[in-house]
Amino acid sequence: MKLKLKKDDLVRVISGNARGQEGKIVSINTKTLRVIVEGVNMISKHTKPNAKSPNGGIVKQEGSIHLSNVMLVVGGKTTRVGRSVDEKTGKITRIAKSTKEVIK
């Protein structure tokens, strides 16, 4: 399955507890189709003391969200993503379905 979103894309959560929040995609897990969005879906993780954190304790970090629950933001509005073939170069580019403009 070809993914339409990439790392560093600005997305908005469209369903779930974090609905309406925006952030950049930090990472994508292609096997489980889950994304981690910067500053969204914060969870508390309990860590044991180790060399990196000698005291251990509770650490706040982003939890993953299913890919279907996020949408790309272009120009302040959410949009679906399509693909088109550039006639000059023959390369496939991503386009915003609402505005028909090319996404970086």
PDB file of N, CA and C in Angstrom:
ATOM      1  N   MET A   1       0.844  -1.180   0.000  1.00  0.00           N
ATOM      2  CA  MET A   1       0.000   0.000   0.000  1.00  0.00           C
ATOM      3  C   MET A   1       0.888   1.243   0.000  1.00  0.00           C
ATOM      4  N   LYS A   2       0.615   2.167  -0.880  1.00  0.00           N
ATOM      5  CA  LYS A   2       1.387   3.397  -0.991  1.00  0.00           C
ATOM      6  C   LYS A   2       0.770   4.447  -0.065  1.00  0.00           C
ATOM      7  N   LEU A   3       1.573   5.016   0.819  1.00  0.00           N
ATOM      8  CA  LEU A   3       1.079   6.020   1.755  1.00  0.00           C
ATOM      9  C   LEU A   3       1.042   7.391   1.098  1.00  0.00           C
ATOM     10  N   LYS A   4       0.058   8.190   1.470  1.00  0.00           N
ATOM     11  CA  LYS A   4      -0.082   9.519   0.895  1.00  0.00           C
ATOM     12  C   LYS A   4       0.500  10.601   1.790  1.00  0.00           C
ATOM     13  N   LEU A   5       0.815  10.266   3.029  1.00  0.00           N
ATOM     14  CA  LEU A   5       1.427  11.219   3.944  1.00  0.00           C
ATOM     15  C   LEU A   5       2.899  10.858   4.147  1.00  0.00           C
ATOM     16  N   LYS A   6       3.708  11.880   4.445  1.00  0.00           N
ATOM     17  CA  LYS A   6       5.137  11.679   4.648  1.00  0.00           C
ATOM     18  C   LYS A   6       5.563  12.317   5.958  1.00  0.00           C
ATOM     19  N   LYS A   7       6.770  11.980   6.382  1.00  0.00           N
ATOM     20  CA  LYS A   7       7.356  12.587   7.561  1.00  0.00           C
ATOM     21  C   LYS A   7       7.473  14.093   7.328  1.00  0.00           C
ATOM     22  N   ASP A   8       7.264  14.885   8.374  1.00  0.00           N
ATOM     23  CA  ASP A   8       7.319  16.351   8.368  1.00  0.00           C
ATOM     24  C   ASP A   8       6.113  17.007   7.699  1.00  0.00           C
ATOM     25  N   ASP A   9       5.074  16.262   7.323  1.00  0.00           N
ATOM     26  CA  ASP A   9       3.840  16.862   6.821  1.00  0.00           C
ATOM     27  C   ASP A   9       3.056  17.433   8.004  1.00  0.00           C
ATOM     28  N   LEU A  10       2.389  18.564   7.802  1.00  0.00           N
ATOM     29  CA  LEU A  10       1.526  19.141   8.815  1.00  0.00           C
ATOM     30  C   LEU A  10       0.154  18.487   8.692  1.00  0.00           C
ATOM     31  N   VAL A  11      -0.314  17.876   9.788  1.00  0.00           N
ATOM     32  CA  VAL A  11      -1.585  17.157   9.767  1.00  0.00           C
ATOM     33  C   VAL A  11      -2.476  17.621  10.913  1.00  0.00           C
ATOM     34  N   ARG A  12      -3.778  17.365  10.756  1.00  0.00           N
ATOM     35  CA  ARG A  12      -4.758  17.643  11.802  1.00  0.00           C
ATOM     36  C   ARG A  12      -5.458  16.339  12.137  1.00  0.00           C
ATOM     37  N   VAL A  13      -5.667  16.083  13.439  1.00  0.00           N
ATOM     38  CA  VAL A  13      -6.373  14.883  13.879  1.00  0.00           C
ATOM     39  C   VAL A  13      -7.862  15.106  13.657  1.00  0.00           C
ATOM     40  N   ILE A  14      -8.522  14.167  12.974  1.00  0.00           N
ATOM     41  CA  ILE A  14      -9.934  14.341  12.631  1.00  0.00           C
ATOM     42  C   ILE A  14     -10.874  13.499  13.478  1.00  0.00           C
ATOM     43  N   SER A  15     -10.330  12.578  14.290  1.00  0.00           N
ATOM     44  CA  SER A  15     -11.200  11.811  15.178  1.00  0.00           C
ATOM     45  C   SER A  15     -10.402  11.295  16.362  1.00  0.00           C
ATOM     46  N   GLY A  16     -11.120  10.984  17.435  1.00  0.00           N
ATOM     47  CA  GLY A  16     -10.476  10.482  18.639  1.00  0.00           C
ATOM     48  C   GLY A  16     -10.365  11.561  19.702  1.00  0.00           C
ATOM     49  N   ASN A  17      -9.649  11.247  20.782  1.00  0.00           N
ATOM     50  CA  ASN A  17      -9.516  12.173  21.905  1.00  0.00           C
ATOM     51  C   ASN A  17      -8.764  13.441  21.536  1.00  0.00           C
ATOM     52  N   ALA A  18      -7.852  13.357  20.588  1.00  0.00           N
ATOM     53  CA  ALA A  18      -7.018  14.499  20.208  1.00  0.00           C
ATOM     54  C   ALA A  18      -7.596  15.251  19.013  1.00  0.00           C
ATOM     55  N   ARG A  19      -8.880  15.105  18.764  1.00  0.00           N
ATOM     56  CA  ARG A  19      -9.519  15.708  17.585  1.00  0.00           C
ATOM     57  C   ARG A  19      -9.307  17.219  17.545  1.00  0.00           C
ATOM     58  N   GLY A  20      -8.912  17.722  16.355  1.00  0.00           N
ATOM     59  CA  GLY A  20      -8.718  19.148  16.170  1.00  0.00           C
ATOM     60  C   GLY A  20      -7.299  19.629  16.386  1.00  0.00           C
ATOM     61  N   GLN A  21      -6.448  18.806  16.990  1.00  0.00           N
ATOM     62  CA  GLN A  21      -5.066  19.213  17.236  1.00  0.00           C
ATOM     63  C   GLN A  21      -4.238  19.038  15.970  1.00  0.00           C
ATOM     64  N   GLU A  22      -3.235  19.915  15.815  1.00  0.00           N
ATOM     65  CA  GLU A  22      -2.360  19.870  14.649  1.00  0.00           C
ATOM     66  C   GLU A  22      -0.926  19.671  15.068  1.00  0.00           C
ATOM     67  N   GLY A  23      -0.123  19.115  14.163  1.00  0.00           N
ATOM     68  CA  GLY A  23       1.297  18.941  14.402  1.00  0.00           C
ATOM     69  C   GLY A  23       1.968  18.291  13.213  1.00  0.00           C
ATOM     70  N   LYS A  24       3.301  18.239  13.268  1.00  0.00           N
ATOM     71  CA  LYS A  24       4.060  17.601  12.204  1.00  0.00           C
ATOM     72  C   LYS A  24       4.207  16.118  12.489  1.00  0.00           C
ATOM     73  N   ILE A  25       4.263  15.333  11.436  1.00  0.00           N
ATOM     74  CA  ILE A  25       4.477  13.894  11.588  1.00  0.00           C
ATOM     75  C   ILE A  25       5.939  13.656  11.942  1.00  0.00           C
ATOM     76  N   VAL A  26       6.171  12.974  13.056  1.00  0.00           N
ATOM     77  CA  VAL A  26       7.523  12.661  13.510  1.00  0.00           C
ATOM     78  C   VAL A  26       7.995  11.352  12.901  1.00  0.00           C
ATOM     79  N   SER A  27       7.104  10.347  12.902  1.00  0.00           N
ATOM     80  CA  SER A  27       7.461   9.054  12.316  1.00  0.00           C
ATOM     81  C   SER A  27       6.208   8.329  11.849  1.00  0.00           C
ATOM     82  N   ILE A  28       6.430   7.393  10.918  1.00  0.00           N
ATOM     83  CA  ILE A  28       5.340   6.588  10.367  1.00  0.00           C
ATOM     84  C   ILE A  28       5.729   5.121  10.453  1.00  0.00           C
ATOM     85  N   ASN A  29       4.835   4.297  10.995  1.00  0.00           N
ATOM     86  CA  ASN A  29       5.045   2.854  11.027  1.00  0.00           C
ATOM     87  C   ASN A  29       4.214   2.256   9.891  1.00  0.00           C
ATOM     88  N   THR A  30       4.896   1.787   8.840  1.00  0.00           N
ATOM     89  CA  THR A  30       4.188   1.308   7.654  1.00  0.00           C
ATOM     90  C   THR A  30       3.524  -0.058   7.865  1.00  0.00           C
ATOM     91  N   LYS A  31       3.998  -0.834   8.824  1.00  0.00           N
ATOM     92  CA  LYS A  31       3.393  -2.153   9.050  1.00  0.00           C
ATOM     93  C   LYS A  31       2.049  -2.045   9.762  1.00  0.00           C
ATOM     94  N   THR A  32       1.974  -1.168  10.778  1.00  0.00           N
ATOM     95  CA  THR A  32       0.733  -1.032  11.540  1.00  0.00           C
ATOM     96  C   THR A  32      -0.093   0.165  11.097  1.00  0.00           C
ATOM     97  N   LEU A  33       0.421   0.966  10.128  1.00  0.00           N
ATOM     98  CA  LEU A  33      -0.250   2.156   9.610  1.00  0.00           C
ATOM     99  C   LEU A  33      -0.572   3.151  10.715  1.00  0.00           C
ATOM    100  N   ARG A  34       0.410   3.399  11.588  1.00  0.00           N
ATOM    101  CA  ARG A  34       0.244   4.355  12.671  1.00  0.00           C
ATOM    102  C   ARG A  34       1.289   5.452  12.549  1.00  0.00           C
ATOM    103  N   VAL A  35       0.918   6.671  12.951  1.00  0.00           N
ATOM    104  CA  VAL A  35       1.828   7.815  12.886  1.00  0.00           C
ATOM    105  C   VAL A  35       1.984   8.421  14.278  1.00  0.00           C
ATOM    106  N   ILE A  36       3.138   9.038  14.505  1.00  0.00           N
ATOM    107  CA  ILE A  36       3.362   9.798  15.719  1.00  0.00           C
ATOM    108  C   ILE A  36       3.414  11.256  15.305  1.00  0.00           C
ATOM    109  N   VAL A  37       2.519  12.068  15.892  1.00  0.00           N
ATOM    110  CA  VAL A  37       2.405  13.482  15.555  1.00  0.00           C
ATOM    111  C   VAL A  37       2.949  14.298  16.724  1.00  0.00           C
ATOM    112  N   GLU A  38       3.778  15.282  16.403  1.00  0.00           N
ATOM    113  CA  GLU A  38       4.447  16.105  17.396  1.00  0.00           C
ATOM    114  C   GLU A  38       3.445  16.861  18.276  1.00  0.00           C
ATOM    115  N   GLY A  39       3.505  16.613  19.606  1.00  0.00           N
ATOM    116  CA  GLY A  39       2.653  17.321  20.565  1.00  0.00           C
ATOM    117  C   GLY A  39       1.219  16.862  20.648  1.00  0.00           C
ATOM    118  N   VAL A  40       0.869  15.756  20.002  1.00  0.00           N
ATOM    119  CA  VAL A  40      -0.510  15.271  19.972  1.00  0.00           C
ATOM    120  C   VAL A  40      -0.572  13.884  20.607  1.00  0.00           C
ATOM    121  N   ASN A  41      -1.673  13.597  21.322  1.00  0.00           N
ATOM    122  CA  ASN A  41      -1.902  12.301  21.956  1.00  0.00           C
ATOM    123  C   ASN A  41      -0.801  11.981  22.961  1.00  0.00           C
ATOM    124  N   MET A  42      -0.569  12.897  23.901  1.00  0.00           N
ATOM    125  CA  MET A  42       0.489  12.726  24.903  1.00  0.00           C
ATOM    126  C   MET A  42       0.095  11.630  25.898  1.00  0.00           C
ATOM    127  N   ILE A  43       1.035  10.729  26.169  1.00  0.00           N
ATOM    128  CA  ILE A  43       0.825   9.651  27.123  1.00  0.00           C
ATOM    129  C   ILE A  43       1.908   9.711  28.192  1.00  0.00           C
ATOM    130  N   SER A  44       1.648   9.110  29.351  1.00  0.00           N
ATOM    131  CA  SER A  44       2.621   9.039  30.434  1.00  0.00           C
ATOM    132  C   SER A  44       3.256   7.660  30.414  1.00  0.00           C
ATOM    133  N   LYS A  45       4.566   7.615  30.312  1.00  0.00           N
ATOM    134  CA  LYS A  45       5.277   6.337  30.281  1.00  0.00           C
ATOM    135  C   LYS A  45       6.140   6.240  31.535  1.00  0.00           C
ATOM    136  N   HIS A  46       6.037   5.133  32.243  1.00  0.00           N
ATOM    137  CA  HIS A  46       6.834   4.908  33.444  1.00  0.00           C
ATOM    138  C   HIS A  46       8.152   4.270  33.039  1.00  0.00           C
ATOM    139  N   THR A  47       9.269   4.877  33.454  1.00  0.00           N
ATOM    140  CA  THR A  47      10.581   4.365  33.060  1.00  0.00           C
ATOM    141  C   THR A  47      11.392   3.991  34.290  1.00  0.00           C
ATOM    142  N   LYS A  48      12.159   2.929  34.150  1.00  0.00           N
ATOM    143  CA  LYS A  48      13.079   2.511  35.203  1.00  0.00           C
ATOM    144  C   LYS A  48      14.346   3.348  35.114  1.00  0.00           C
ATOM    145  N   PRO A  49      15.073   3.473  36.221  1.00  0.00           N
ATOM    146  CA  PRO A  49      16.346   4.181  36.148  1.00  0.00           C
ATOM    147  C   PRO A  49      17.329   3.454  35.222  1.00  0.00           C
ATOM    148  N   ASN A  50      18.033   4.222  34.390  1.00  0.00           N
ATOM    149  CA  ASN A  50      19.058   3.655  33.523  1.00  0.00           C
ATOM    150  C   ASN A  50      20.146   4.711  33.313  1.00  0.00           C
ATOM    151  N   ALA A  51      21.094   4.445  32.445  1.00  0.00           N
ATOM    152  CA  ALA A  51      22.195   5.372  32.230  1.00  0.00           C
ATOM    153  C   ALA A  51      21.713   6.699  31.655  1.00  0.00           C
ATOM    154  N   LYS A  52      20.697   6.635  30.807  1.00  0.00           N
ATOM    155  CA  LYS A  52      20.180   7.854  30.169  1.00  0.00           C
ATOM    156  C   LYS A  52      19.424   8.738  31.167  1.00  0.00           C
ATOM    157  N   SER A  53      18.553   8.119  31.956  1.00  0.00           N
ATOM    158  CA  SER A  53      17.836   8.860  32.998  1.00  0.00           C
ATOM    159  C   SER A  53      18.061   8.160  34.336  1.00  0.00           C
ATOM    160  N   PRO A  54      19.019   8.646  35.140  1.00  0.00           N
ATOM    161  CA  PRO A  54      19.400   7.955  36.374  1.00  0.00           C
ATOM    162  C   PRO A  54      18.285   7.846  37.409  1.00  0.00           C
ATOM    163  N   ASN A  55      17.327   8.777  37.398  1.00  0.00           N
ATOM    164  CA  ASN A  55      16.259   8.739  38.391  1.00  0.00           C
ATOM    165  C   ASN A  55      15.041   7.950  37.935  1.00  0.00           C
ATOM    166  N   GLY A  56      14.875   7.777  36.630  1.00  0.00           N
ATOM    167  CA  GLY A  56      13.675   7.123  36.120  1.00  0.00           C
ATOM    168  C   GLY A  56      12.482   8.037  36.297  1.00  0.00           C
ATOM    169  N   GLY A  57      11.295   7.473  36.510  1.00  0.00           N
ATOM    170  CA  GLY A  57      10.103   8.278  36.754  1.00  0.00           C
ATOM    171  C   GLY A  57       9.103   8.213  35.616  1.00  0.00           C
ATOM    172  N   ILE A  58       8.254   9.227  35.572  1.00  0.00           N
ATOM    173  CA  ILE A  58       7.192   9.282  34.579  1.00  0.00           C
ATOM    174  C   ILE A  58       7.587  10.275  33.492  1.00  0.00           C
ATOM    175  N   VAL A  59       7.548   9.806  32.251  1.00  0.00           N
ATOM    176  CA  VAL A  59       7.946  10.626  31.111  1.00  0.00           C
ATOM    177  C   VAL A  59       6.732  10.833  30.214  1.00  0.00           C
ATOM    178  N   LYS A  60       6.494  12.082  29.803  1.00  0.00           N
ATOM    179  CA  LYS A  60       5.420  12.373  28.857  1.00  0.00           C
ATOM    180  C   LYS A  60       5.977  12.256  27.438  1.00  0.00           C
ATOM    181  N   GLN A  61       5.262  11.537  26.579  1.00  0.00           N
ATOM    182  CA  GLN A  61       5.684  11.403  25.186  1.00  0.00           C
ATOM    183  C   GLN A  61       4.467  11.211  24.301  1.00  0.00           C
ATOM    184  N   GLU A  62       4.680  11.377  22.986  1.00  0.00           N
ATOM    185  CA  GLU A  62       3.580  11.243  22.040  1.00  0.00           C
ATOM    186  C   GLU A  62       3.217   9.774  21.828  1.00  0.00           C
ATOM    187  N   GLY A  63       1.933   9.497  21.797  1.00  0.00           N
ATOM    188  CA  GLY A  63       1.459   8.170  21.464  1.00  0.00           C
ATOM    189  C   GLY A  63       1.107   8.121  19.984  1.00  0.00           C
ATOM    190  N   SER A  64       0.983   6.913  19.449  1.00  0.00           N
ATOM    191  CA  SER A  64       0.697   6.784  18.017  1.00  0.00           C
ATOM    192  C   SER A  64      -0.803   6.919  17.749  1.00  0.00           C
ATOM    193  N   ILE A  65      -1.110   7.354  16.525  1.00  0.00           N
ATOM    194  CA  ILE A  65      -2.483   7.521  16.053  1.00  0.00           C
ATOM    195  C   ILE A  65      -2.593   6.779  14.732  1.00  0.00           C
ATOM    196  N   HIS A  66      -3.723   6.158  14.479  1.00  0.00           N
ATOM    197  CA  HIS A  66      -3.892   5.453  13.216  1.00  0.00           C
ATOM    198  C   HIS A  66      -3.906   6.457  12.069  1.00  0.00           C
ATOM    199  N   LEU A  67      -3.340   6.040  10.949  1.00  0.00           N
ATOM    200  CA  LEU A  67      -3.189   6.898   9.776  1.00  0.00           C
ATOM    201  C   LEU A  67      -4.521   7.446   9.265  1.00  0.00           C
ATOM    202  N   SER A  68      -5.590   6.684   9.424  1.00  0.00           N
ATOM    203  CA  SER A  68      -6.895   7.116   8.930  1.00  0.00           C
ATOM    204  C   SER A  68      -7.493   8.236   9.767  1.00  0.00           C
ATOM    205  N   ASN A  69      -6.922   8.506  10.939  1.00  0.00           N
ATOM    206  CA  ASN A  69      -7.464   9.528  11.824  1.00  0.00           C
ATOM    207  C   ASN A  69      -6.770  10.877  11.678  1.00  0.00           C
ATOM    208  N   VAL A  70      -5.872  11.015  10.706  1.00  0.00           N
ATOM    209  CA  VAL A  70      -5.211  12.298  10.470  1.00  0.00           C
ATOM    210  C   VAL A  70      -5.412  12.712   9.017  1.00  0.00           C
ATOM    211  N   MET A  71      -5.404  14.044   8.782  1.00  0.00           N
ATOM    212  CA  MET A  71      -5.593  14.587   7.450  1.00  0.00           C
ATOM    213  C   MET A  71      -4.583  15.690   7.210  1.00  0.00           C
ATOM    214  N   LEU A  72      -4.086  15.780   6.006  1.00  0.00           N
ATOM    215  CA  LEU A  72      -3.105  16.781   5.631  1.00  0.00           C
ATOM    216  C   LEU A  72      -3.708  18.182   5.681  1.00  0.00           C
ATOM    217  N   VAL A  73      -2.912  19.150   6.169  1.00  0.00           N
ATOM    218  CA  VAL A  73      -3.340  20.545   6.218  1.00  0.00           C
ATOM    219  C   VAL A  73      -2.568  21.325   5.161  1.00  0.00           C
ATOM    220  N   VAL A  74      -3.303  21.970   4.250  1.00  0.00           N
ATOM    221  CA  VAL A  74      -2.702  22.821   3.219  1.00  0.00           C
ATOM    222  C   VAL A  74      -3.419  24.160   3.261  1.00  0.00           C
ATOM    223  N   GLY A  75      -2.681  25.230   3.510  1.00  0.00           N
ATOM    224  CA  GLY A  75      -3.284  26.559   3.554  1.00  0.00           C
ATOM    225  C   GLY A  75      -4.276  26.741   4.683  1.00  0.00           C
ATOM    226  N   GLY A  76      -4.073  26.049   5.795  1.00  0.00           N
ATOM    227  CA  GLY A  76      -4.952  26.186   6.954  1.00  0.00           C
ATOM    228  C   GLY A  76      -6.179  25.304   6.937  1.00  0.00           C
ATOM    229  N   LYS A  77      -6.423  24.578   5.832  1.00  0.00           N
ATOM    230  CA  LYS A  77      -7.587  23.704   5.739  1.00  0.00           C
ATOM    231  C   LYS A  77      -7.139  22.277   5.455  1.00  0.00           C
ATOM    232  N   THR A  78      -7.935  21.324   5.928  1.00  0.00           N
ATOM    233  CA  THR A  78      -7.622  19.927   5.659  1.00  0.00           C
ATOM    234  C   THR A  78      -8.010  19.577   4.236  1.00  0.00           C
ATOM    235  N   THR A  79      -7.274  18.632   3.662  1.00  0.00           N
ATOM    236  CA  THR A  79      -7.552  18.216   2.291  1.00  0.00           C
ATOM    237  C   THR A  79      -7.140  16.768   2.108  1.00  0.00           C
ATOM    238  N   ARG A  80      -7.762  16.138   1.131  1.00  0.00           N
ATOM    239  CA  ARG A  80      -7.333  14.798   0.747  1.00  0.00           C
ATOM    240  C   ARG A  80      -6.148  14.918  -0.193  1.00  0.00           C
ATOM    241  N   VAL A  81      -5.406  13.834  -0.329  1.00  0.00           N
ATOM    242  CA  VAL A  81      -4.194  13.855  -1.150  1.00  0.00           C
ATOM    243  C   VAL A  81      -4.390  12.952  -2.353  1.00  0.00           C
ATOM    244  N   GLY A  82      -4.035  13.470  -3.520  1.00  0.00           N
ATOM    245  CA  GLY A  82      -4.091  12.688  -4.745  1.00  0.00           C
ATOM    246  C   GLY A  82      -2.721  12.624  -5.385  1.00  0.00           C
ATOM    247  N   ARG A  83      -2.630  11.940  -6.499  1.00  0.00           N
ATOM    248  CA  ARG A  83      -1.364  11.821  -7.227  1.00  0.00           C
ATOM    249  C   ARG A  83      -1.603  12.198  -8.674  1.00  0.00           C
ATOM    250  N   SER A  84      -0.591  12.833  -9.261  1.00  0.00           N
ATOM    251  CA  SER A  84      -0.668  13.134 -10.685  1.00  0.00           C
ATOM    252  C   SER A  84       0.720  12.971 -11.280  1.00  0.00           C
ATOM    253  N   VAL A  85       0.752  12.652 -12.565  1.00  0.00           N
ATOM    254  CA  VAL A  85       2.017  12.468 -13.264  1.00  0.00           C
ATOM    255  C   VAL A  85       2.377  13.777 -13.951  1.00  0.00           C
ATOM    256  N   ASP A  86       3.587  14.269 -13.674  1.00  0.00           N
ATOM    257  CA  ASP A  86       4.068  15.484 -14.321  1.00  0.00           C
ATOM    258  C   ASP A  86       4.405  15.149 -15.769  1.00  0.00           C
ATOM    259  N   GLU A  87       3.799  15.867 -16.697  1.00  0.00           N
ATOM    260  CA  GLU A  87       3.958  15.531 -18.120  1.00  0.00           C
ATOM    261  C   GLU A  87       5.369  15.798 -18.629  1.00  0.00           C
ATOM    262  N   LYS A  88       6.039  16.800 -18.087  1.00  0.00           N
ATOM    263  CA  LYS A  88       7.388  17.137 -18.544  1.00  0.00           C
ATOM    264  C   LYS A  88       8.419  16.103 -18.095  1.00  0.00           C
ATOM    265  N   THR A  89       8.403  15.779 -16.805  1.00  0.00           N
ATOM    266  CA  THR A  89       9.424  14.883 -16.261  1.00  0.00           C
ATOM    267  C   THR A  89       8.957  13.442 -16.142  1.00  0.00           C
ATOM    268  N   GLY A  90       7.656  13.213 -16.085  1.00  0.00           N
ATOM    269  CA  GLY A  90       7.144  11.855 -15.931  1.00  0.00           C
ATOM    270  C   GLY A  90       7.130  11.382 -14.487  1.00  0.00           C
ATOM    271  N   LYS A  91       7.439  12.274 -13.527  1.00  0.00           N
ATOM    272  CA  LYS A  91       7.457  11.903 -12.112  1.00  0.00           C
ATOM    273  C   LYS A  91       6.064  12.057 -11.509  1.00  0.00           C
ATOM    274  N   ILE A  92       5.795  11.237 -10.497  1.00  0.00           N
ATOM    275  CA  ILE A  92       4.533  11.296  -9.791  1.00  0.00           C
ATOM    276  C   ILE A  92       4.656  12.329  -8.680  1.00  0.00           C
ATOM    277  N   THR A  93       3.695  13.258  -8.605  1.00  0.00           N
ATOM    278  CA  THR A  93       3.697  14.274  -7.562  1.00  0.00           C
ATOM    279  C   THR A  93       2.404  14.183  -6.765  1.00  0.00           C
ATOM    280  N   ARG A  94       2.466  14.625  -5.516  1.00  0.00           N
ATOM    281  CA  ARG A  94       1.273  14.668  -4.680  1.00  0.00           C
ATOM    282  C   ARG A  94       0.557  15.995  -4.911  1.00  0.00           C
ATOM    283  N   ILE A  95      -0.766  15.930  -4.983  1.00  0.00           N
ATOM    284  CA  ILE A  95      -1.546  17.158  -5.140  1.00  0.00           C
ATOM    285  C   ILE A  95      -2.633  17.205  -4.071  1.00  0.00           C
ATOM    286  N   ALA A  96      -3.010  18.419  -3.683  1.00  0.00           N
ATOM    287  CA  ALA A  96      -4.123  18.622  -2.764  1.00  0.00           C
ATOM    288  C   ALA A  96      -5.409  18.562  -3.582  1.00  0.00           C
ATOM    289  N   LYS A  97      -6.326  17.688  -3.190  1.00  0.00           N
ATOM    290  CA  LYS A  97      -7.551  17.501  -3.971  1.00  0.00           C
ATOM    291  C   LYS A  97      -8.441  18.740  -3.947  1.00  0.00           C
ATOM    292  N   SER A  98      -8.422  19.503  -2.849  1.00  0.00           N
ATOM    293  CA  SER A  98      -9.308  20.663  -2.754  1.00  0.00           C
ATOM    294  C   SER A  98      -8.829  21.835  -3.600  1.00  0.00           C
ATOM    295  N   THR A  99      -7.509  22.061  -3.665  1.00  0.00           N
ATOM    296  CA  THR A  99      -6.993  23.219  -4.380  1.00  0.00           C
ATOM    297  C   THR A  99      -6.251  22.860  -5.663  1.00  0.00           C
ATOM    298  N   LYS A 100      -6.023  21.598  -5.900  1.00  0.00           N
ATOM    299  CA  LYS A 100      -5.298  21.085  -7.094  1.00  0.00           C
ATOM    300  C   LYS A 100      -3.852  21.576  -7.159  1.00  0.00           C
ATOM    301  N   GLU A 101      -3.286  22.066  -6.052  1.00  0.00           N
ATOM    302  CA  GLU A 101      -1.894  22.522  -6.066  1.00  0.00           C
ATOM    303  C   GLU A 101      -0.954  21.403  -5.663  1.00  0.00           C
ATOM    304  N   VAL A 102       0.280  21.469  -6.124  1.00  0.00           N
ATOM    305  CA  VAL A 102       1.280  20.441  -5.847  1.00  0.00           C
ATOM    306  C   VAL A 102       1.769  20.603  -4.415  1.00  0.00           C
ATOM    307  N   ILE A 103       1.888  19.482  -3.715  1.00  0.00           N
ATOM    308  CA  ILE A 103       2.396  19.478  -2.348  1.00  0.00           C
ATOM    309  C   ILE A 103       3.882  19.192  -2.411  1.00  0.00           C
ATOM    310  N   LYS A 104       4.674  20.078  -1.861  1.00  0.00           N
ATOM    311  CA  LYS A 104       6.140  19.976  -1.856  1.00  0.00           C
ATOM    312  C   LYS A 104       6.612  18.613  -2.157  1.00  0.00           C
TER     313      LYS A 104
END
